[in-house]
Protein backbone atom coordinates (compact mmCIF):
# COMPACT_ATOMS: atom_id res chain seq x y z
CA UNK A 1 8.05 24.29 43.29
CA UNK A 2 10.11 21.09 43.58
CA UNK A 3 7.29 19.13 41.94
CA UNK A 4 7.19 21.60 39.04
CA UNK A 5 10.98 21.27 38.57
CA UNK A 6 10.69 17.49 38.58
CA UNK A 7 7.97 17.69 35.94
CA UNK A 8 10.08 20.00 33.74
CA UNK A 9 13.15 17.81 34.21
CA UNK A 10 11.16 14.71 33.24
CA UNK A 11 9.79 16.49 30.18
CA UNK A 12 13.29 17.65 29.16
CA UNK A 13 14.73 14.14 29.58
CA UNK A 14 11.86 12.72 27.51
CA UNK A 15 12.51 15.24 24.74
CA UNK A 16 16.24 14.48 24.74
CA UNK A 17 15.58 10.74 24.58
CA UNK A 18 13.14 11.22 21.71
CA UNK A 19 15.58 13.47 19.87
CA UNK A 20 18.29 10.87 20.31
CA UNK A 21 15.96 8.19 18.96
CA UNK A 22 14.79 10.29 16.02
CA UNK A 23 18.08 12.03 15.24
CA UNK A 24 18.54 9.63 12.35
CA UNK A 25 15.23 10.82 10.88
CA UNK A 26 14.02 14.14 9.51
CA UNK A 27 12.69 16.27 12.34
CA UNK A 28 11.82 19.90 12.92
CA UNK A 29 10.57 22.33 15.50
CA UNK A 30 6.94 22.63 16.51
CA UNK A 31 4.08 20.43 15.44
CA UNK A 32 3.56 18.50 12.25
CA UNK A 33 2.67 20.32 9.04
CA UNK A 34 -1.06 20.56 8.41
CA UNK A 35 -1.40 18.00 5.61
CA UNK A 36 -4.53 16.47 4.16
CA UNK A 37 -4.76 12.91 2.88
CA UNK A 38 -6.49 12.26 -0.42
CA UNK A 39 -10.27 12.33 0.13
CA UNK A 40 -10.97 9.17 -1.89
CA UNK A 41 -8.92 6.00 -2.10
CA UNK A 42 -9.35 2.82 -4.14
CA UNK A 43 -7.23 0.17 -2.43
CA UNK A 44 -7.65 -2.36 -5.25
CA UNK A 45 -6.16 0.08 -7.77
CA UNK A 46 -3.30 0.84 -5.35
CA UNK A 47 -2.14 -2.78 -5.03
CA UNK A 48 0.85 -4.11 -6.97
CA UNK A 49 4.40 -2.90 -7.47
CA UNK A 50 5.77 0.56 -6.72
CA UNK A 51 9.33 1.84 -7.16
CA UNK A 52 10.80 4.26 -4.61
CA UNK A 53 12.04 7.38 -6.39
CA UNK A 54 12.27 10.06 -3.67
CA UNK A 55 12.30 9.71 0.11
CA UNK A 56 13.11 11.52 3.33
CA UNK A 57 16.09 10.04 5.12
CA UNK A 58 15.16 7.16 7.43
CA UNK A 59 17.72 5.19 9.42
CA UNK A 60 15.99 1.90 8.60
CA UNK A 61 16.57 2.56 4.88
CA UNK A 62 20.13 3.87 5.20
CA UNK A 63 22.44 2.62 2.47
CA UNK A 64 19.64 0.87 0.59
CA UNK A 65 19.42 1.04 -3.19
CA UNK A 66 16.91 -0.13 -5.79
CA UNK A 67 14.02 0.05 -3.29
CA UNK A 68 10.71 -1.39 -4.43
CA UNK A 69 7.42 -2.13 -2.64
CA UNK A 70 4.77 -4.74 -3.42
CA UNK A 71 1.23 -4.34 -1.98
CA UNK A 72 -1.09 -7.33 -1.76
CA UNK A 73 -4.53 -7.72 -0.16
CA UNK A 74 -4.72 -10.36 2.59
CA UNK A 75 -7.76 -12.48 3.43
CA UNK A 76 -8.35 -10.50 6.66
CA UNK A 77 -8.66 -7.21 4.73
CA UNK A 78 -5.19 -6.02 5.75
CA UNK A 79 -2.48 -5.23 3.22
CA UNK A 80 0.76 -7.19 3.02
CA UNK A 81 3.63 -4.92 2.03
CA UNK A 82 6.95 -6.40 0.95
CA UNK A 83 9.74 -3.84 0.64
CA UNK A 84 12.82 -5.05 -1.20
CA UNK A 85 16.13 -3.64 -2.32
CA UNK A 86 19.87 -4.05 -1.98
CA UNK A 87 22.34 -3.09 0.73
CA UNK A 88 26.08 -3.69 0.44
CA UNK A 89 25.41 -5.73 -2.69
CA UNK A 90 23.03 -8.13 -0.94
CA UNK A 91 19.28 -8.48 -1.51
CA UNK A 92 17.19 -7.42 1.49
CA UNK A 93 13.46 -7.31 2.20
CA UNK A 94 11.02 -6.47 4.96
CA UNK A 95 7.38 -7.53 5.22
CA UNK A 96 4.84 -5.20 6.78
CA UNK A 97 1.17 -5.13 7.63
CA UNK A 98 -1.14 -2.22 6.90
CA UNK A 99 -4.84 -1.50 7.26
CA UNK A 100 -7.33 1.34 6.90
CA UNK A 101 -8.84 2.12 10.33
CA UNK A 102 -11.67 4.34 9.01
CA UNK A 103 -12.44 3.46 5.38
CA UNK A 104 -15.65 5.52 5.34
CA UNK A 105 -14.28 8.87 6.55
CA UNK A 106 -10.51 8.63 5.98
CA UNK A 107 -9.88 6.00 3.31
CA UNK A 108 -6.36 7.24 2.45
CA UNK A 109 -5.13 7.25 6.07
CA UNK A 110 -3.55 3.85 6.60
CA UNK A 111 -1.69 2.40 9.58
CA UNK A 112 1.48 0.40 8.93
CA UNK A 113 4.08 -1.58 10.85
CA UNK A 114 6.95 -3.89 9.97
CA UNK A 115 7.17 -5.76 13.27
CA UNK A 116 4.51 -7.32 15.47
CA UNK A 117 6.38 -5.77 18.42
CA UNK A 118 6.08 -2.24 17.01
CA UNK A 119 3.05 0.04 17.15
CA UNK A 120 1.31 0.94 13.91
CA UNK A 121 2.47 4.23 12.41
CA UNK A 122 0.74 6.65 10.07
CA UNK A 123 0.88 6.04 6.34
CA UNK A 124 -1.12 8.76 4.63
CA UNK A 125 -1.58 8.82 0.88
CA UNK A 126 -1.56 12.52 0.05
CA UNK A 127 -1.93 12.01 -3.68
CA UNK A 128 -2.00 9.11 -6.13
CA UNK A 129 -3.28 8.55 -9.63
CA UNK A 130 -2.80 4.75 -9.13
CA UNK A 131 -1.22 4.29 -12.57
CA UNK A 132 1.89 6.47 -12.29
CA UNK A 133 2.67 7.86 -8.83
CA UNK A 134 1.86 7.96 -5.13
CA UNK A 135 2.94 10.50 -2.51
CA UNK A 136 3.04 9.07 1.05
CA UNK A 137 3.57 11.03 4.27
CA UNK A 138 3.87 10.34 7.97
CA UNK A 139 4.54 12.69 10.87
CA UNK A 140 4.60 12.27 14.63
CA UNK A 141 4.75 15.08 17.16
CA UNK A 142 6.94 14.90 20.26
CA UNK A 143 5.45 16.74 23.25
CA UNK A 144 4.40 19.63 21.02
CA UNK A 145 8.03 20.75 20.87
CA UNK A 146 9.29 18.94 17.80
CA UNK A 147 8.18 16.39 15.23
CA UNK A 148 9.72 13.75 13.00
CA UNK A 149 8.50 12.95 9.56
CA UNK A 150 8.82 10.50 6.70
CA UNK A 151 7.83 10.99 3.07
CA UNK A 152 8.10 8.89 -0.06
CA UNK A 153 7.30 9.36 -3.72
CA UNK A 154 6.79 6.02 -5.46
CA UNK A 155 6.09 5.35 -9.12
CA UNK A 156 4.88 2.38 -11.15
CA UNK A 157 8.03 2.58 -13.29
CA UNK A 158 11.60 2.97 -11.93
CA UNK A 159 11.72 6.65 -12.92
CA UNK A 160 9.63 9.81 -12.66
CA UNK A 161 8.78 12.48 -15.20
CA UNK A 162 9.77 16.05 -14.46
CA UNK A 163 6.09 17.09 -14.65
CA UNK A 164 5.05 14.60 -11.94
CA UNK A 165 8.03 15.52 -9.75
CA UNK A 166 7.17 19.23 -10.03
CA UNK A 167 3.48 18.57 -9.28
CA UNK A 168 4.22 16.52 -6.13
CA UNK A 169 6.97 18.83 -4.85
CA UNK A 170 4.58 21.79 -5.26
CA UNK A 171 1.89 19.90 -3.31
CA UNK A 172 4.41 19.19 -0.56
CA UNK A 173 5.42 22.86 -0.37
CA UNK A 174 1.76 23.90 -0.19
CA UNK A 175 1.34 21.65 2.88
CA UNK A 176 4.45 23.14 4.50
CA UNK A 177 6.61 20.05 3.88
CA UNK A 178 10.26 20.93 3.25
CA UNK A 179 11.10 19.36 -0.12
CA UNK A 180 14.85 19.86 0.41
CA UNK A 181 14.57 16.76 2.64
CA UNK A 182 13.72 14.58 -0.38
CA UNK A 183 16.64 12.44 -1.55
CA UNK A 184 16.71 10.65 -4.89
CA UNK A 185 16.73 6.86 -4.57
CA UNK A 186 19.88 5.21 -5.93
CA UNK A 187 18.71 3.11 -8.88
CA UNK A 188 22.12 2.66 -10.53
CA UNK A 189 22.85 -0.95 -11.37
CA UNK A 190 19.42 -2.23 -10.38
CA UNK A 191 18.28 -5.57 -11.84
CA UNK A 192 15.56 -5.29 -14.50
CA UNK A 193 12.71 -6.27 -12.16
CA UNK A 194 13.95 -4.13 -9.26
């Protein structure tokens, strides 16, 4: 009995620590929504510049405006991702590394990290037409009790058409993703190339 209580106490402490760590993210009860990444993926067409239009709140992006991402193929087959934007009027950027672990069976399920000290996280492309938009999603479960998730809608131009927004929000809803968590990226006062 004492051993069972210790196990439950340890599990509860772990959950509370995880909730504290992820409280600055979007999280919900139960497991992750049952999403499906795009079945085909052409990395070469995906490379280049993307503008962040909608996103779920993430502490590491808090207060950032004019967010933009640049994807470039590296000689080792990985993808260099440079995220840039502005915070408190100052230019900021972060460089990440991504790769496709299983290009044959899951070509749109990438792994991504922005620090060599961090583990790779999920970066799933749920839908892209390569020329106009991409819908990216990531979710991690915590002990089967809760989950935290990230989502982004990026476009090749700094804005999005209402038709594309409606299409992607409807796809999100069909997967069980709560679209009320999407926040519009602040693009007011952005430089022309940002």
